[in-house]
Amino acid sequence: MARKKEVHFVGRKFNVDYIYFDCLFLTIWMSALIVLAYRRTKLPLLLGFIGLIVYYAIDLGIWYCITGIRKVTGPIHPALLMLWVSATPGIVHPSWVMLMIQGVYNKTMKKREIFFWTSLFFCVQSIPAFLQTALHLDDRVITISRDMSRGSHGVMIFLFCIGYGFLLFCKIPVTDLLKLFLIGVTVEGFFEYSLWLSGIRSTAFRAVVFDTVFEFNCGIAILFFAWSMSLPKEDRSIEPPKIELPRISLPTRLTSRSEKKVSDLEQQTLPQEELPQVSVEFNNCVAELTPSITVEQAQSVSIEISCTEEAYESSSANASQIHAVEVQSDQTKDCAC
């Protein structure tokens, strides 16, 4: 007799008012991220939007539409309901993890800031679940479940090993990997245990422990890699794999011609007829100023003074004062009278 295949569902059962409370606290979290993006860093907010897209594509696209392991019952359209299901873990989880990575590894956050964001994260994850049991604003029931018997656990473990194996390959210290693992356990643990303790998640305790350990840690290596690539090159913890591309070398003849052409351009002088001329009258003497500009040298001015014989005789008293004229722009030029 063939053994019947065991079906293992992980589900949530809650009232519609839980969505109201969760959206309220999600708005508070988003507001705090926007203020943080305005004052200091935009990376947590950016990763929150990317996380929402990724979670929504997996929840609605893969699990609900393609594989069918996601089941939904309730008064809300599945596409809209899946958007809400993806919003809190998709936005809050990656952004908080990025804040912790920046605070633990890059030391860009003070201890009181880490405490503030962790406390806010705990409130966003836990308070809505317990409010829906205390306040009854909309008691319509929604059920969401996921079939975990189709190899989902094996996929999580595989991705977990690949991610941390890649970080080990990049020579990340084991102590840093342990810190990263604890961050991943914390972010998923707050979420899972708030659902389990409030009665929304009705599943075995071992399933909660498995999700806490592996569910977010199977992708946390991507966040760590993205954070490392956002740092300046000299401050990066890991480097992407280096790929040696073939180098194309120019022929020697072409290279020498190019260098000669550049050298000729550096020595080139603009045509004299294009340069402006300035006339200056000094004691009935006419001075013509012609600027001489080259690419290599700074601007300089050369002066030629021509005097008539009568003017020279009438200004003999001042002739000794016009023995030499020096005009300086960036360099000094001599002129004879």
Foldseek 3Di string as FASTA:
>chain_A
DDDDQDWAKWKFKAFPVLLVLLVVLLVVVLVVLVVCVVPPNNVLQVQLVVLLVVQLCCQCVPCCPPVNQKDKDFDDDPSVVSSSVSNCCSRLLLSLLLVVCCCPPVVPDDPVVNVVSVVSLLCSQAVSLQVRVVDPPGGTMMMIMGTPSPCPLVVLVVLLCVLVVVVVVQVDDPVVVVVSQVSQLVSLLSNLVSCVVSVRTPHDPVVSNSCSRGVRSSPSSVSLVVVQVVDPPVPHPGDPDDDDDDDDDDDPVVVVVVVVVVVVQQFDWDDQVVWDWDWDADQQKIKIKGWTDGNNDDIDIAIEIDHDPVSCVVCVVCVVVVQWDWDDDPHIDIYGD
